Amino acid sequence: MTSVRLRTVDAFTDKPFTGNPAAMLVLDDTPSDEWMAAVARETNLSVTGFVIREELPDAHFRPRWFTPTVEINLCGHATLASAHCLFEDGVVGPIRFATRSGVLTVDQRPDGSLAMDFPAWFSAQFDARSAVSEAIGAPVEWTVRTDNEAFLIALVANEGSVRDLSPDLAAVSRLEASVGLIVTATADPGHEYDFVSRVFAPQAGILEDPVTGSAHTVLAPYWADHLGSASLVGLQVSPRSGLVGVELNGDRVTIIVRAITISDGTLSEAASPS
């Protein structure tokens, strides 16, 4: 039996032990859902990605993404980690992934950064200010919710308010969003980034996500409109933190980031898919 390679990749960073870690497996055949879920529970990272080689009309790879508790339809940092591993293996870009959220394309720029093309997630007013304020223990200026009801987005007063949050995660889990809560604010003056955020997703089995690509497909349209620029940089101010460049192009968002491999090994024969 061919050994199954398992890598850990820190996404949204070029420095080890920062950014958002993902476990990555590149496979020739589709394993069972039960096996993928078991591997994700074992790695116990926010997301474990399985990239399956598959010849399709508009793509060559089909990714699947599992948290320790559920399968999810879109994951930015695992898409980045997947592309990073494939480029590391010598695959020539652009790499096209066939996902449940449509075809996602990742290309490598001359400076080594990766550019990921995602659909923009737009949001509409949804008044949950009282419930969110109670859950995060801070005043909330407004709330909106993505059209697919995945994320609630809450604006707070300033960068310090985002950094200082200590939310009641049980209360966050009861908010009306299938994935979780994004808390955001403009950056303090004088920084290399334009806005900050944190993402709490107990609904998806992730108490706080270190750096979240999908959240920036939500934040890009909002901040592009309010800051008057289609090209911005966000800093997700979790304890691991990470910078995320965004470029809004109509109903698409290009996310510009980096990644680094932290570990590279194999599963034992006993743990390989049967």
Foldseek 3Di string as FASTA:
>chain_A
DDFWKKFWKAWQDPDPPFHFIEIETEEADDFDPVLLLVVQLVVQGQKYKYWYQDDDPVAGTEIWIAHNPGTDFDFDRVVQVHVVVVVVVPDADQHWYQTPQGIKTWHADPVGKIKIKFFFFEWDFDAPQVLVCQFFVAHFPGWIATPVQAEIETEHDAPVSQLPTDGNLVSQLPDRHQFTYKYKYAHDPDDQFGIEIWTAGVSRPRGTGRDTPNVVSHVQVVCCVVVVHQWGWYWYNDVSIHIWIWGDDPRMIMIIGHMDIDDMDTDDPVSDRD
